Amino acid sequence: MPNLFGRRSVILIALAVVMAVLPLLFPSSYYFRVASLVWVSALAAIGLNILMGKAGQVSLGHAGFFGIGAYAVAIGPAHLGLNALLAVLVGALLSALLAFLVGRPILRLKGHYLAIATLGLGVLVAMVITTESGWTGGPDGMPVPKLSLFGWRISGSNTWYWITAGLLLIGTWFALNLDDTPTGRAFRALHDSEIAARTAGVHVERFKLQAFVIAAVYASIAGSALAMMNGFVNPDQAGFLHSVELVTMVVLGGLGSIVGSIVGAAVLVVLPQLLTVFQDYEHFLLGLIIIVSMIFMRDGMVPMLAKLTMRARR
């Protein structure tokens, strides 16, 4: 127990130090925005990693919940007169409810059947967002009102850097502490073997559903944060390609690694910015780097680096 507590503390302190030091190195507000995008993407990736890396389930429609959270903070204030923070909560509750209702039947599936079912869920959410133009603005999207606290309108990349950093710290703290709870141990048992977990007394269906709901809430809150930061939302945030990006972040950083989710998000957000100097070859190089990384680091970047560090110590 002390070792686990120490490891969690070290990770959280290291992450907080990185967040505090980075602004000292940023020459302009553009870098604050890129870093904010990393924090938001990492938050959604951590939730997905709880589902895929911890509980061993597959989801190819995770961006659907991201889109629900994003549109909640747009539709709530614009059409229902809700406060922005209340709209964030409503979006998270809607995502949790949808994950609960849909997850009960589809989580009985396994392997590629489960992947296709979650893909269908994501596509369905994106279609509803696109077609219900009276509420969502359709394919063109819609503006998102600025977040206000005590009469202060929150805006600017610098401010959102600290808000998204705080959200990521809270999300990381929850995910790290989840590992050492009965729920976290049940997730690990599911990941290793559902049959063995059931034999050991784990309620497989219930814990699968819990992982799905937790991942949906993470994605919804991340979507709300991004929408308010951008001041605009469009259906692409709930699209299939965004789901693929989130899965890539998780796999690239390392399945089951919370730190890996953050590293994977950082790589996938920052790398395209660095490759813009290559213009027409940007997407080709990005794909090539990801392929090479997965060939030589099959377990993900963070687990592979951890193994290399252990070997070097020995």
C-alpha atoms as a PDB file:
ATOM      1  CA  MET A   1       0.000   0.000   0.000  1.00  0.00           C
ATOM      2  CA  PRO A   2       2.716   2.589   0.843  1.00  0.00           C
ATOM      3  CA  ASN A   3       4.490   1.891  -2.425  1.00  0.00           C
ATOM      4  CA  LEU A   4       1.309   2.402  -4.387  1.00  0.00           C
ATOM      5  CA  PHE A   5       0.569   5.608  -2.513  1.00  0.00           C
ATOM      6  CA  GLY A   6       4.102   6.802  -3.158  1.00  0.00           C
ATOM      7  CA  ARG A   7       3.912   6.008  -6.851  1.00  0.00           C
ATOM      8  CA  ARG A   8       0.617   7.834  -7.238  1.00  0.00           C
ATOM      9  CA  SER A   9       1.954  10.841  -5.385  1.00  0.00           C
ATOM     10  CA  VAL A  10       5.093  10.973  -7.511  1.00  0.00           C
ATOM     11  CA  ILE A  11       3.049  10.862 -10.732  1.00  0.00           C
ATOM     12  CA  LEU A  12       0.682  13.621  -9.592  1.00  0.00           C
ATOM     13  CA  ILE A  13       3.489  15.829  -8.282  1.00  0.00           C
ATOM     14  CA  ALA A  14       5.524  15.337 -11.472  1.00  0.00           C
ATOM     15  CA  LEU A  15       2.503  16.203 -13.616  1.00  0.00           C
ATOM     16  CA  ALA A  16       1.767  19.302 -11.536  1.00  0.00           C
ATOM     17  CA  VAL A  17       5.406  20.424 -11.788  1.00  0.00           C
ATOM     18  CA  VAL A  18       5.352  20.004 -15.580  1.00  0.00           C
ATOM     19  CA  MET A  19       2.133  22.021 -15.772  1.00  0.00           C
ATOM     20  CA  ALA A  20       3.647  24.778 -13.622  1.00  0.00           C
ATOM     21  CA  VAL A  21       6.968  24.950 -15.499  1.00  0.00           C
ATOM     22  CA  LEU A  22       5.697  24.805 -19.086  1.00  0.00           C
ATOM     23  CA  PRO A  23       4.211  28.365 -19.116  1.00  0.00           C
ATOM     24  CA  LEU A  24       7.659  29.721 -18.266  1.00  0.00           C
ATOM     25  CA  LEU A  25       8.915  28.279 -21.565  1.00  0.00           C
ATOM     26  CA  PHE A  26       6.040  29.405 -23.797  1.00  0.00           C
ATOM     27  CA  PRO A  27       6.910  32.387 -26.035  1.00  0.00           C
ATOM     28  CA  SER A  28       3.290  33.103 -27.062  1.00  0.00           C
ATOM     29  CA  SER A  29      -0.348  32.312 -26.308  1.00  0.00           C
ATOM     30  CA  TYR A  30      -0.382  29.821 -29.225  1.00  0.00           C
ATOM     31  CA  TYR A  31       1.636  27.392 -27.094  1.00  0.00           C
ATOM     32  CA  PHE A  32      -0.856  27.755 -24.250  1.00  0.00           C
ATOM     33  CA  ARG A  33      -3.621  26.679 -26.632  1.00  0.00           C
ATOM     34  CA  VAL A  34      -1.694  23.642 -27.890  1.00  0.00           C
ATOM     35  CA  ALA A  35      -0.961  22.593 -24.308  1.00  0.00           C
ATOM     36  CA  SER A  36      -4.646  23.043 -23.407  1.00  0.00           C
ATOM     37  CA  LEU A  37      -5.583  20.750 -26.296  1.00  0.00           C
ATOM     38  CA  VAL A  38      -3.157  18.171 -24.920  1.00  0.00           C
ATOM     39  CA  TRP A  39      -4.734  18.341 -21.450  1.00  0.00           C
ATOM     40  CA  VAL A  40      -8.279  18.002 -22.829  1.00  0.00           C
ATOM     41  CA  SER A  41      -7.362  15.108 -25.132  1.00  0.00           C
ATOM     42  CA  ALA A  42      -5.467  13.406 -22.312  1.00  0.00           C
ATOM     43  CA  LEU A  43      -8.535  13.637 -20.055  1.00  0.00           C
ATOM     44  CA  ALA A  44     -10.691  11.850 -22.639  1.00  0.00           C
ATOM     45  CA  ALA A  45      -7.907   9.316 -23.312  1.00  0.00           C
ATOM     46  CA  ILE A  46      -7.587   8.464 -19.607  1.00  0.00           C
ATOM     47  CA  GLY A  47     -11.289   7.620 -19.471  1.00  0.00           C
ATOM     48  CA  LEU A  48     -10.982   5.452 -22.558  1.00  0.00           C
ATOM     49  CA  ASN A  49      -7.905   3.753 -21.091  1.00  0.00           C
ATOM     50  CA  ILE A  50      -9.903   2.807 -17.991  1.00  0.00           C
ATOM     51  CA  LEU A  51     -12.320   1.018 -20.324  1.00  0.00           C
ATOM     52  CA  MET A  52      -9.786  -0.516 -22.736  1.00  0.00           C
ATOM     53  CA  GLY A  53      -6.579  -0.836 -20.758  1.00  0.00           C
ATOM     54  CA  LYS A  54      -8.010  -1.611 -17.306  1.00  0.00           C
ATOM     55  CA  ALA A  55     -11.278  -3.432 -18.029  1.00  0.00           C
ATOM     56  CA  GLY A  56     -10.199  -4.908 -21.369  1.00  0.00           C
ATOM     57  CA  GLN A  57     -13.204  -3.679 -23.397  1.00  0.00           C
ATOM     58  CA  VAL A  58     -13.130  -2.085 -26.856  1.00  0.00           C
ATOM     59  CA  SER A  59     -14.789   1.155 -27.949  1.00  0.00           C
ATOM     60  CA  LEU A  60     -14.652   2.753 -31.392  1.00  0.00           C
ATOM     61  CA  GLY A  61     -17.412   5.281 -30.731  1.00  0.00           C
ATOM     62  CA  HIS A  62     -16.038   7.113 -27.740  1.00  0.00           C
ATOM     63  CA  ALA A  63     -16.177  10.483 -29.520  1.00  0.00           C
ATOM     64  CA  GLY A  64     -19.970  10.233 -29.337  1.00  0.00           C
ATOM     65  CA  PHE A  65     -19.835  10.949 -25.599  1.00  0.00           C
ATOM     66  CA  PHE A  66     -17.267  13.680 -26.247  1.00  0.00           C
ATOM     67  CA  GLY A  67     -19.776  15.263 -28.641  1.00  0.00           C
ATOM     68  CA  ILE A  68     -22.616  15.017 -26.115  1.00  0.00           C
ATOM     69  CA  GLY A  69     -20.562  16.957 -23.579  1.00  0.00           C
ATOM     70  CA  ALA A  70     -19.523  19.518 -26.181  1.00  0.00           C
ATOM     71  CA  TYR A  71     -23.070  20.165 -27.397  1.00  0.00           C
ATOM     72  CA  ALA A  72     -24.476  20.200 -23.854  1.00  0.00           C
ATOM     73  CA  VAL A  73     -22.639  23.456 -23.097  1.00  0.00           C
ATOM     74  CA  ALA A  74     -23.846  24.889 -26.416  1.00  0.00           C
ATOM     75  CA  ILE A  75     -27.495  23.776 -26.376  1.00  0.00           C
ATOM     76  CA  GLY A  76     -28.055  24.175 -22.621  1.00  0.00           C
ATOM     77  CA  PRO A  77     -27.385  27.932 -22.373  1.00  0.00           C
ATOM     78  CA  ALA A  78     -28.676  28.769 -25.883  1.00  0.00           C
ATOM     79  CA  HIS A  79     -31.991  26.852 -25.896  1.00  0.00           C
ATOM     80  CA  LEU A  80     -32.708  25.979 -22.267  1.00  0.00           C
ATOM     81  CA  GLY A  81     -31.219  28.948 -20.428  1.00  0.00           C
ATOM     82  CA  LEU A  82     -28.966  26.744 -18.307  1.00  0.00           C
ATOM     83  CA  ASN A  83     -25.852  27.990 -16.570  1.00  0.00           C
ATOM     84  CA  ALA A  84     -22.700  26.768 -18.350  1.00  0.00           C
ATOM     85  CA  LEU A  85     -21.452  24.776 -15.342  1.00  0.00           C
ATOM     86  CA  LEU A  86     -24.883  23.191 -14.924  1.00  0.00           C
ATOM     87  CA  ALA A  87     -24.800  22.315 -18.633  1.00  0.00           C
ATOM     88  CA  VAL A  88     -21.479  20.509 -18.076  1.00  0.00           C
ATOM     89  CA  LEU A  89     -23.128  18.443 -15.340  1.00  0.00           C
ATOM     90  CA  VAL A  90     -26.185  17.750 -17.539  1.00  0.00           C
ATOM     91  CA  GLY A  91     -23.912  16.600 -20.379  1.00  0.00           C
ATOM     92  CA  ALA A  92     -22.030  14.253 -18.050  1.00  0.00           C
ATOM     93  CA  LEU A  93     -25.296  12.831 -16.686  1.00  0.00           C
ATOM     94  CA  LEU A  94     -26.717  12.344 -20.200  1.00  0.00           C
ATOM     95  CA  SER A  95     -23.528  10.579 -21.282  1.00  0.00           C
ATOM     96  CA  ALA A  96     -23.606   8.361 -18.192  1.00  0.00           C
ATOM     97  CA  LEU A  97     -27.294   7.544 -18.769  1.00  0.00           C
ATOM     98  CA  LEU A  98     -26.742   6.722 -22.448  1.00  0.00           C
ATOM     99  CA  ALA A  99     -23.695   4.591 -21.590  1.00  0.00           C
ATOM    100  CA  PHE A 100     -25.741   2.764 -18.955  1.00  0.00           C
ATOM    101  CA  LEU A 101     -28.746   2.110 -21.210  1.00  0.00           C
ATOM    102  CA  VAL A 102     -26.786   1.163 -24.323  1.00  0.00           C
ATOM    103  CA  GLY A 103     -23.953  -0.548 -22.490  1.00  0.00           C
ATOM    104  CA  ARG A 104     -26.175  -3.204 -20.921  1.00  0.00           C
ATOM    105  CA  PRO A 105     -26.898  -4.973 -24.228  1.00  0.00           C
ATOM    106  CA  ILE A 106     -23.751  -4.196 -26.255  1.00  0.00           C
ATOM    107  CA  LEU A 107     -21.243  -5.107 -23.523  1.00  0.00           C
ATOM    108  CA  ARG A 108     -22.522  -8.679 -23.734  1.00  0.00           C
ATOM    109  CA  LEU A 109     -20.653  -8.800 -27.043  1.00  0.00           C
ATOM    110  CA  LYS A 110     -16.945  -9.514 -27.332  1.00  0.00           C
ATOM    111  CA  GLY A 111     -14.054  -8.757 -29.657  1.00  0.00           C
ATOM    112  CA  HIS A 112     -14.820  -7.249 -33.043  1.00  0.00           C
ATOM    113  CA  TYR A 113     -18.580  -7.563 -32.428  1.00  0.00           C
ATOM    114  CA  LEU A 114     -18.241  -5.183 -29.485  1.00  0.00           C
ATOM    115  CA  ALA A 115     -16.045  -2.864 -31.562  1.00  0.00           C
ATOM    116  CA  ILE A 116     -18.666  -2.663 -34.321  1.00  0.00           C
ATOM    117  CA  ALA A 117     -21.476  -2.085 -31.805  1.00  0.00           C
ATOM    118  CA  THR A 118     -19.642   0.832 -30.158  1.00  0.00           C
ATOM    119  CA  LEU A 119     -18.788   2.174 -33.603  1.00  0.00           C
ATOM    120  CA  GLY A 120     -22.497   2.148 -34.434  1.00  0.00           C
ATOM    121  CA  LEU A 121     -23.262   4.050 -31.228  1.00  0.00           C
ATOM    122  CA  GLY A 122     -20.748   6.762 -32.111  1.00  0.00           C
ATOM    123  CA  VAL A 123     -22.043   7.046 -35.673  1.00  0.00           C
ATOM    124  CA  LEU A 124     -25.625   7.293 -34.393  1.00  0.00           C
ATOM    125  CA  VAL A 125     -24.752  10.154 -32.016  1.00  0.00           C
ATOM    126  CA  ALA A 126     -22.907  11.988 -34.803  1.00  0.00           C
ATOM    127  CA  MET A 127     -25.893  11.538 -37.153  1.00  0.00           C
ATOM    128  CA  VAL A 128     -28.342  12.938 -34.601  1.00  0.00           C
ATOM    129  CA  ILE A 129     -26.093  15.947 -34.015  1.00  0.00           C
ATOM    130  CA  THR A 130     -25.795  16.569 -37.761  1.00  0.00           C
ATOM    131  CA  THR A 131     -29.464  16.169 -38.650  1.00  0.00           C
ATOM    132  CA  GLU A 132     -31.091  18.005 -35.709  1.00  0.00           C
ATOM    133  CA  SER A 133     -30.079  21.377 -37.128  1.00  0.00           C
ATOM    134  CA  GLY A 134     -32.759  23.263 -35.194  1.00  0.00           C
ATOM    135  CA  TRP A 135     -31.010  22.395 -31.955  1.00  0.00           C
ATOM    136  CA  THR A 136     -27.400  21.796 -32.995  1.00  0.00           C
ATOM    137  CA  GLY A 137     -26.876  24.047 -36.025  1.00  0.00           C
ATOM    138  CA  GLY A 138     -26.435  20.977 -38.232  1.00  0.00           C
ATOM    139  CA  PRO A 139     -23.183  20.421 -40.147  1.00  0.00           C
ATOM    140  CA  ASP A 140     -22.150  24.056 -39.620  1.00  0.00           C
ATOM    141  CA  GLY A 141     -22.081  23.707 -35.836  1.00  0.00           C
ATOM    142  CA  MET A 142     -23.055  26.379 -33.339  1.00  0.00           C
ATOM    143  CA  PRO A 143     -21.409  28.940 -31.022  1.00  0.00           C
ATOM    144  CA  VAL A 144     -20.797  28.193 -27.361  1.00  0.00           C
ATOM    145  CA  PRO A 145     -21.404  30.967 -24.788  1.00  0.00           C
ATOM    146  CA  LYS A 146     -18.406  32.029 -22.733  1.00  0.00           C
ATOM    147  CA  LEU A 147     -18.119  30.536 -19.268  1.00  0.00           C
ATOM    148  CA  SER A 148     -18.815  33.082 -16.532  1.00  0.00           C
ATOM    149  CA  LEU A 149     -17.985  32.835 -12.841  1.00  0.00           C
ATOM    150  CA  PHE A 150     -19.254  35.535 -10.455  1.00  0.00           C
ATOM    151  CA  GLY A 151     -19.613  37.966 -13.347  1.00  0.00           C
ATOM    152  CA  TRP A 152     -16.131  37.225 -14.730  1.00  0.00           C
ATOM    153  CA  ARG A 153     -16.151  35.930 -18.314  1.00  0.00           C
ATOM    154  CA  ILE A 154     -13.463  33.300 -18.684  1.00  0.00           C
ATOM    155  CA  SER A 155     -11.540  33.598 -21.952  1.00  0.00           C
ATOM    156  CA  GLY A 156      -8.022  33.504 -23.310  1.00  0.00           C
ATOM    157  CA  SER A 157      -5.616  30.629 -23.905  1.00  0.00           C
ATOM    158  CA  ASN A 158      -3.668  31.386 -20.712  1.00  0.00           C
ATOM    159  CA  THR A 159      -6.748  31.032 -18.509  1.00  0.00           C
ATOM    160  CA  TRP A 160      -7.973  27.877 -20.204  1.00  0.00           C
ATOM    161  CA  TYR A 161      -4.525  26.363 -19.848  1.00  0.00           C
ATOM    162  CA  TRP A 162      -4.911  26.347 -16.068  1.00  0.00           C
ATOM    163  CA  ILE A 163      -8.556  25.211 -16.148  1.00  0.00           C
ATOM    164  CA  THR A 164      -7.837  22.239 -18.396  1.00  0.00           C
ATOM    165  CA  ALA A 165      -4.671  21.444 -16.419  1.00  0.00           C
ATOM    166  CA  GLY A 166      -6.732  21.358 -13.211  1.00  0.00           C
ATOM    167  CA  LEU A 167      -9.322  19.062 -14.803  1.00  0.00           C
ATOM    168  CA  LEU A 168      -6.585  16.709 -15.982  1.00  0.00           C
ATOM    169  CA  LEU A 169      -5.008  16.603 -12.514  1.00  0.00           C
ATOM    170  CA  ILE A 170      -8.356  15.678 -10.975  1.00  0.00           C
ATOM    171  CA  GLY A 171      -9.018  13.053 -13.667  1.00  0.00           C
ATOM    172  CA  THR A 172      -5.526  11.585 -13.227  1.00  0.00           C
ATOM    173  CA  TRP A 173      -5.916  11.486  -9.438  1.00  0.00           C
ATOM    174  CA  PHE A 174      -9.231   9.621  -9.732  1.00  0.00           C
ATOM    175  CA  ALA A 175      -7.870   7.121 -12.279  1.00  0.00           C
ATOM    176  CA  LEU A 176      -4.728   6.401 -10.241  1.00  0.00           C
ATOM    177  CA  ASN A 177      -6.718   5.884  -7.044  1.00  0.00           C
ATOM    178  CA  LEU A 178      -9.224   3.667  -8.859  1.00  0.00           C
ATOM    179  CA  ASP A 179      -6.483   1.047  -9.318  1.00  0.00           C
ATOM    180  CA  ASP A 180      -6.341   0.270  -5.608  1.00  0.00           C
ATOM    181  CA  THR A 181     -10.095  -0.045  -5.037  1.00  0.00           C
ATOM    182  CA  PRO A 182     -12.262  -3.196  -5.299  1.00  0.00           C
ATOM    183  CA  THR A 183     -13.602  -1.780  -8.574  1.00  0.00           C
ATOM    184  CA  GLY A 184     -10.099  -1.320  -9.972  1.00  0.00           C
ATOM    185  CA  ARG A 185      -9.129  -4.870  -8.988  1.00  0.00           C
ATOM    186  CA  ALA A 186     -12.309  -6.165 -10.615  1.00  0.00           C
ATOM    187  CA  PHE A 187     -11.397  -4.285 -13.813  1.00  0.00           C
ATOM    188  CA  ARG A 188      -7.952  -5.920 -13.847  1.00  0.00           C
ATOM    189  CA  ALA A 189      -9.540  -9.336 -13.346  1.00  0.00           C
ATOM    190  CA  LEU A 190     -11.851  -8.676 -16.310  1.00  0.00           C
ATOM    191  CA  HIS A 191      -8.893  -7.655 -18.444  1.00  0.00           C
ATOM    192  CA  ASP A 192      -6.985 -10.850 -17.657  1.00  0.00           C
ATOM    193  CA  SER A 193      -9.867 -13.306 -18.070  1.00  0.00           C
ATOM    194  CA  GLU A 194     -13.613 -12.882 -17.832  1.00  0.00           C
ATOM    195  CA  ILE A 195     -14.054 -16.575 -17.040  1.00  0.00           C
ATOM    196  CA  ALA A 196     -11.532 -16.480 -14.208  1.00  0.00           C
ATOM    197  CA  ALA A 197     -13.058 -13.229 -12.913  1.00  0.00           C
ATOM    198  CA  ARG A 198     -16.544 -14.741 -12.875  1.00  0.00           C
ATOM    199  CA  THR A 199     -15.208 -17.816 -11.090  1.00  0.00           C
ATOM    200  CA  ALA A 200     -13.622 -15.548  -8.461  1.00  0.00           C
ATOM    201  CA  GLY A 201     -17.005 -13.952  -7.793  1.00  0.00           C
ATOM    202  CA  VAL A 202     -16.692 -10.797  -9.939  1.00  0.00           C
ATOM    203  CA  HIS A 203     -20.011  -9.593 -11.368  1.00  0.00           C
ATOM    204  CA  VAL A 204     -18.680  -9.311 -14.921  1.00  0.00           C
ATOM    205  CA  GLU A 205     -21.612  -7.473 -16.514  1.00  0.00           C
ATOM    206  CA  ARG A 206     -21.866  -4.912 -13.716  1.00  0.00           C
ATOM    207  CA  PHE A 207     -18.188  -3.987 -13.737  1.00  0.00           C
ATOM    208  CA  LYS A 208     -18.070  -3.815 -17.540  1.00  0.00           C
ATOM    209  CA  LEU A 209     -20.940  -1.361 -17.367  1.00  0.00           C
ATOM    210  CA  GLN A 210     -19.214   0.677 -14.653  1.00  0.00           C
ATOM    211  CA  ALA A 211     -16.079   1.020 -16.789  1.00  0.00           C
ATOM    212  CA  PHE A 212     -18.180   2.094 -19.775  1.00  0.00           C
ATOM    213  CA  VAL A 213     -20.034   4.726 -17.741  1.00  0.00           C
ATOM    214  CA  ILE A 214     -16.820   6.105 -16.186  1.00  0.00           C
ATOM    215  CA  ALA A 215     -15.201   6.392 -19.617  1.00  0.00           C
ATOM    216  CA  ALA A 216     -18.295   8.177 -20.977  1.00  0.00           C
ATOM    217  CA  VAL A 217     -18.249  10.755 -18.163  1.00  0.00           C
ATOM    218  CA  TYR A 218     -14.544  11.472 -18.728  1.00  0.00           C
ATOM    219  CA  ALA A 219     -15.182  12.028 -22.448  1.00  0.00           C
ATOM    220  CA  SER A 220     -18.214  14.241 -21.819  1.00  0.00           C
ATOM    221  CA  ILE A 221     -16.363  16.548 -19.414  1.00  0.00           C
ATOM    222  CA  ALA A 222     -13.432  16.777 -21.836  1.00  0.00           C
ATOM    223  CA  GLY A 223     -15.842  17.637 -24.669  1.00  0.00           C
ATOM    224  CA  SER A 224     -17.489  20.357 -22.589  1.00  0.00           C
ATOM    225  CA  ALA A 225     -14.108  21.878 -21.717  1.00  0.00           C
ATOM    226  CA  LEU A 226     -12.971  21.925 -25.349  1.00  0.00           C
ATOM    227  CA  ALA A 227     -16.250  23.447 -26.568  1.00  0.00           C
ATOM    228  CA  MET A 228     -16.130  26.266 -24.018  1.00  0.00           C
ATOM    229  CA  MET A 229     -12.457  26.883 -24.719  1.00  0.00           C
ATOM    230  CA  ASN A 230     -13.052  27.097 -28.492  1.00  0.00           C
ATOM    231  CA  GLY A 231     -16.315  29.014 -28.204  1.00  0.00           C
ATOM    232  CA  PHE A 232     -17.673  26.853 -31.005  1.00  0.00           C
ATOM    233  CA  VAL A 233     -18.683  23.236 -31.568  1.00  0.00           C
ATOM    234  CA  ASN A 234     -19.281  21.138 -34.715  1.00  0.00           C
ATOM    235  CA  PRO A 235     -20.201  17.498 -35.462  1.00  0.00           C
ATOM    236  CA  ASP A 236     -16.557  16.541 -36.135  1.00  0.00           C
ATOM    237  CA  GLN A 237     -15.990  16.352 -32.394  1.00  0.00           C
ATOM    238  CA  ALA A 238     -18.412  13.410 -32.263  1.00  0.00           C
ATOM    239  CA  GLY A 239     -17.179  11.851 -35.511  1.00  0.00           C
ATOM    240  CA  PHE A 240     -15.559   8.492 -36.178  1.00  0.00           C
ATOM    241  CA  LEU A 241     -12.140   9.991 -36.941  1.00  0.00           C
ATOM    242  CA  HIS A 242     -12.063  11.609 -33.517  1.00  0.00           C
ATOM    243  CA  SER A 243     -12.850   8.223 -31.952  1.00  0.00           C
ATOM    244  CA  VAL A 244      -9.925   6.728 -33.858  1.00  0.00           C
ATOM    245  CA  GLU A 245      -7.661   9.533 -32.594  1.00  0.00           C
ATOM    246  CA  LEU A 246      -8.629   8.800 -28.991  1.00  0.00           C
ATOM    247  CA  VAL A 247      -7.996   5.065 -29.420  1.00  0.00           C
ATOM    248  CA  THR A 248      -4.637   5.840 -31.046  1.00  0.00           C
ATOM    249  CA  MET A 249      -3.645   8.021 -28.075  1.00  0.00           C
ATOM    250  CA  VAL A 250      -4.413   5.188 -25.683  1.00  0.00           C
ATOM    251  CA  VAL A 251      -2.633   2.482 -27.685  1.00  0.00           C
ATOM    252  CA  LEU A 252       0.350   4.667 -28.570  1.00  0.00           C
ATOM    253  CA  GLY A 253       0.927   5.738 -24.971  1.00  0.00           C
ATOM    254  CA  GLY A 254       0.286   2.288 -23.527  1.00  0.00           C
ATOM    255  CA  LEU A 255      -2.851   0.310 -22.696  1.00  0.00           C
ATOM    256  CA  GLY A 256      -3.419   0.287 -18.965  1.00  0.00           C
ATOM    257  CA  SER A 257      -1.006   3.170 -18.343  1.00  0.00           C
ATOM    258  CA  ILE A 258      -2.556   6.416 -17.093  1.00  0.00           C
ATOM    259  CA  VAL A 259       0.683   8.281 -17.757  1.00  0.00           C
ATOM    260  CA  GLY A 260       0.703   6.642 -21.185  1.00  0.00           C
ATOM    261  CA  SER A 261      -2.649   8.271 -21.975  1.00  0.00           C
ATOM    262  CA  ILE A 262      -1.143  11.702 -21.294  1.00  0.00           C
ATOM    263  CA  VAL A 263       1.987  10.931 -23.328  1.00  0.00           C
ATOM    264  CA  GLY A 264      -0.072   9.517 -26.217  1.00  0.00           C
ATOM    265  CA  ALA A 265      -2.282  12.615 -26.245  1.00  0.00           C
ATOM    266  CA  ALA A 266       0.782  14.884 -26.191  1.00  0.00           C
ATOM    267  CA  VAL A 267       2.381  13.050 -29.115  1.00  0.00           C
ATOM    268  CA  LEU A 268      -0.761  13.021 -31.247  1.00  0.00           C
ATOM    269  CA  VAL A 269      -1.564  16.700 -30.583  1.00  0.00           C
ATOM    270  CA  VAL A 270       1.954  18.182 -30.716  1.00  0.00           C
ATOM    271  CA  LEU A 271       3.467  16.090 -33.510  1.00  0.00           C
ATOM    272  CA  PRO A 272       1.157  17.435 -36.277  1.00  0.00           C
ATOM    273  CA  GLN A 273       2.102  20.964 -35.191  1.00  0.00           C
ATOM    274  CA  LEU A 274       5.800  20.132 -35.615  1.00  0.00           C
ATOM    275  CA  LEU A 275       5.265  18.413 -38.963  1.00  0.00           C
ATOM    276  CA  THR A 276       3.507  21.379 -40.596  1.00  0.00           C
ATOM    277  CA  VAL A 277       6.896  22.494 -41.957  1.00  0.00           C
ATOM    278  CA  PHE A 278       6.750  19.492 -44.287  1.00  0.00           C
ATOM    279  CA  GLN A 279       3.421  20.695 -45.747  1.00  0.00           C
ATOM    280  CA  ASP A 280       2.240  18.035 -48.238  1.00  0.00           C
ATOM    281  CA  TYR A 281       4.051  15.231 -46.397  1.00  0.00           C
ATOM    282  CA  GLU A 282       2.630  16.054 -42.971  1.00  0.00           C
ATOM    283  CA  HIS A 283       0.008  13.274 -42.812  1.00  0.00           C
ATOM    284  CA  PHE A 284       2.327  10.728 -44.431  1.00  0.00           C
ATOM    285  CA  LEU A 285       5.065  11.373 -41.863  1.00  0.00           C
ATOM    286  CA  LEU A 286       2.602  11.328 -38.970  1.00  0.00           C
ATOM    287  CA  GLY A 287       1.267   7.942 -40.059  1.00  0.00           C
ATOM    288  CA  LEU A 288       4.780   6.602 -40.614  1.00  0.00           C
ATOM    289  CA  ILE A 289       5.934   7.689 -37.152  1.00  0.00           C
ATOM    290  CA  ILE A 290       2.901   6.034 -35.525  1.00  0.00           C
ATOM    291  CA  ILE A 291       3.467   2.784 -37.475  1.00  0.00           C
ATOM    292  CA  VAL A 292       7.163   2.647 -36.586  1.00  0.00           C
ATOM    293  CA  SER A 293       6.371   3.400 -32.942  1.00  0.00           C
ATOM    294  CA  MET A 294       3.860   0.550 -32.747  1.00  0.00           C
ATOM    295  CA  ILE A 295       6.240  -1.902 -34.461  1.00  0.00           C
ATOM    296  CA  PHE A 296       9.086  -1.264 -32.042  1.00  0.00           C
ATOM    297  CA  MET A 297       6.979  -0.373 -28.981  1.00  0.00           C
ATOM    298  CA  ARG A 298       4.066  -2.799 -29.125  1.00  0.00           C
ATOM    299  CA  ASP A 299       3.124  -2.293 -25.484  1.00  0.00           C
ATOM    300  CA  GLY A 300       3.062   1.475 -25.926  1.00  0.00           C
ATOM    301  CA  MET A 301       5.627   4.183 -25.316  1.00  0.00           C
ATOM    302  CA  VAL A 302       5.452   4.444 -21.528  1.00  0.00           C
ATOM    303  CA  PRO A 303       5.446   0.674 -20.716  1.00  0.00           C
ATOM    304  CA  MET A 304       8.334   0.129 -23.155  1.00  0.00           C
ATOM    305  CA  LEU A 305      10.365   2.963 -21.617  1.00  0.00           C
ATOM    306  CA  ALA A 306       9.664   1.530 -18.159  1.00  0.00           C
ATOM    307  CA  LYS A 307      10.957  -1.875 -19.258  1.00  0.00           C
ATOM    308  CA  LEU A 308      14.103  -0.356 -20.746  1.00  0.00           C
ATOM    309  CA  THR A 309      14.716   1.597 -17.543  1.00  0.00           C
ATOM    310  CA  MET A 310      14.382  -1.576 -15.443  1.00  0.00           C
ATOM    311  CA  ARG A 311      16.807  -3.434 -17.706  1.00  0.00           C
ATOM    312  CA  ALA A 312      19.310  -0.605 -17.485  1.00  0.00           C
ATOM    313  CA  ARG A 313      19.153  -0.685 -13.668  1.00  0.00           C
ATOM    314  CA  ARG A 314      19.747  -4.444 -13.640  1.00  0.00           C
END
